[in-house]
Protein backbone atom coordinates (compact mmCIF):
# COMPACT_ATOMS: atom_id res chain seq x y z
CA GLN A 1 2.12 5.77 -18.37
CA VAL A 2 0.14 4.88 -15.36
CA GLN A 3 -0.96 7.39 -12.86
CA LEU A 4 -1.67 6.39 -9.15
CA VAL A 5 -3.23 8.24 -6.35
CA GLU A 6 -3.36 7.04 -2.76
CA SER A 7 -5.83 7.91 0.00
CA GLY A 8 -6.63 6.82 3.52
CA GLY A 9 -3.68 7.75 5.64
CA GLY A 10 -3.79 9.50 9.04
CA LEU A 11 -3.07 9.39 12.63
CA VAL A 12 -4.21 6.43 14.65
CA HIS A 13 -3.37 4.88 18.16
CA PRO A 14 -1.44 1.66 18.57
CA GLY A 15 -3.81 -1.33 18.06
CA GLY A 16 -5.99 0.77 15.60
CA SER A 17 -6.72 0.16 11.85
CA LEU A 18 -6.47 2.02 8.68
CA ARG A 19 -7.38 1.22 5.20
CA LEU A 20 -5.35 2.74 2.24
CA ALA A 21 -6.73 2.90 -1.21
CA CYS A 22 -4.85 3.39 -4.49
CA VAL A 23 -6.61 4.08 -7.88
CA ALA A 24 -4.73 3.66 -11.12
CA SER A 25 -5.48 5.46 -14.38
CA GLY A 26 -3.85 5.81 -17.81
CA ARG A 27 -2.42 2.69 -19.44
CA THR A 28 -3.99 0.39 -16.97
CA SER A 29 -3.90 -2.43 -19.70
CA ASP A 30 -0.24 -2.59 -18.89
CA LEU A 31 -0.68 -3.38 -15.18
CA TYR A 32 0.84 -6.82 -14.05
CA SER A 33 1.45 -6.22 -10.40
CA MET A 34 0.69 -3.69 -7.64
CA SER A 35 2.60 -3.19 -4.42
CA TRP A 36 2.49 -0.99 -1.36
CA PHE A 37 5.81 0.48 0.00
CA ARG A 38 6.60 2.13 3.30
CA GLN A 39 9.26 4.76 3.87
CA ALA A 40 9.92 5.45 7.45
CA PRO A 41 11.69 8.60 8.64
CA GLY A 42 15.40 8.43 7.65
CA GLU A 43 14.99 5.02 6.09
CA GLU A 44 14.77 3.61 2.63
CA ARG A 45 11.62 2.84 1.01
CA ARG A 46 10.78 -0.74 1.58
CA ILE A 47 8.14 -3.18 0.11
CA VAL A 48 5.37 -4.08 2.47
CA ALA A 49 2.87 -6.02 0.31
CA HIS A 50 2.41 -7.22 -3.29
CA ILE A 51 -0.41 -8.55 -5.30
CA GLY A 52 -0.37 -9.95 -8.89
CA TRP A 53 -2.87 -8.18 -11.05
CA ALA A 54 -3.95 -11.05 -13.04
CA GLY A 55 -4.07 -14.07 -10.52
CA GLY A 56 -4.15 -12.09 -7.29
CA THR A 57 -1.14 -13.83 -5.67
CA THR A 58 -0.15 -11.87 -2.50
CA SER A 59 3.09 -11.69 -0.60
CA TYR A 60 4.04 -9.65 2.60
CA VAL A 61 6.94 -8.62 4.49
CA ASP A 62 7.27 -10.75 7.64
CA SER A 63 6.68 -7.73 9.86
CA VAL A 64 3.23 -7.27 8.66
CA LYS A 65 2.04 -10.80 8.07
CA GLY A 66 -1.32 -11.59 9.85
CA ARG A 67 -1.98 -7.80 10.26
CA PHE A 68 -2.17 -6.28 6.77
CA THR A 69 -4.19 -7.52 3.92
CA ILE A 70 -3.65 -6.37 0.21
CA SER A 71 -6.60 -6.70 -2.09
CA LYS A 72 -7.66 -5.31 -5.56
CA ASP A 73 -10.51 -4.68 -7.81
CA ASN A 74 -9.40 -4.97 -11.45
CA ALA A 75 -12.62 -3.48 -12.82
CA LYS A 76 -12.11 -0.30 -10.74
CA ASN A 77 -8.30 -0.39 -11.21
CA MET A 78 -8.00 -0.07 -7.42
CA VAL A 79 -5.92 -1.68 -4.80
CA TRP A 80 -6.14 -1.50 -0.94
CA LEU A 81 -4.15 -2.11 2.04
CA GLN A 82 -6.05 -2.98 5.15
CA MET A 83 -3.82 -2.53 8.22
CA ASN A 84 -4.89 -3.67 11.55
CA SER A 85 -3.32 -4.11 14.90
CA LEU A 86 -1.03 -1.03 13.98
CA LYS A 87 2.17 -0.39 15.72
CA PRO A 88 4.37 2.61 16.06
CA GLU A 89 6.92 1.06 13.90
CA ASP A 90 4.34 1.15 11.03
CA THR A 91 4.75 4.83 10.86
CA GLY A 92 5.76 6.24 7.57
CA VAL A 93 4.79 7.41 4.12
CA TYR A 94 2.98 4.64 2.26
CA TYR A 95 3.29 4.53 -1.51
CA CYS A 96 1.37 2.65 -4.09
CA ALA A 97 3.54 1.20 -7.00
CA ALA A 98 2.46 -0.31 -10.36
CA ASN A 99 4.78 -2.70 -11.98
CA SER A 100 7.50 -1.45 -9.63
CA ASN A 101 7.91 1.26 -12.18
CA TYR A 102 5.07 3.81 -11.44
CA TRP A 103 4.55 5.61 -8.11
CA GLY A 104 1.86 7.49 -6.37
CA GLN A 105 2.67 10.55 -4.22
CA GLY A 106 2.38 8.84 -0.98
CA THR A 107 0.09 9.08 2.00
CA GLN A 108 1.30 9.53 5.65
CA VAL A 109 0.48 7.04 8.35
CA THR A 110 1.36 7.94 12.00
CA VAL A 111 0.82 5.36 14.64
CA SER A 112 1.14 7.15 17.95
CA SER A 113 -0.48 7.24 21.39
């Protein structure tokens, strides 16, 4: 089992920035990928960014490319999502996922003027 805890959400104006953090505990030796998902109100949960735990290869959904950056620290079992130039459509609950199998509790991000 892997446990995940997210932090860093909040309310921000359009154009602002937030940095989400996720710390993993438990059987972290089983980790091979980490992802951030977003669930907007009334919508399905969708992947936003992904990072390979060993090699660090990253990928992003088109709507956040150039604005969001996913990064990790294997020694600390942590992954971050730096979100810049935030837009109202970025609003939602952001979830950290490990191996697309383990989930955190989510952290709310609201982008509004």
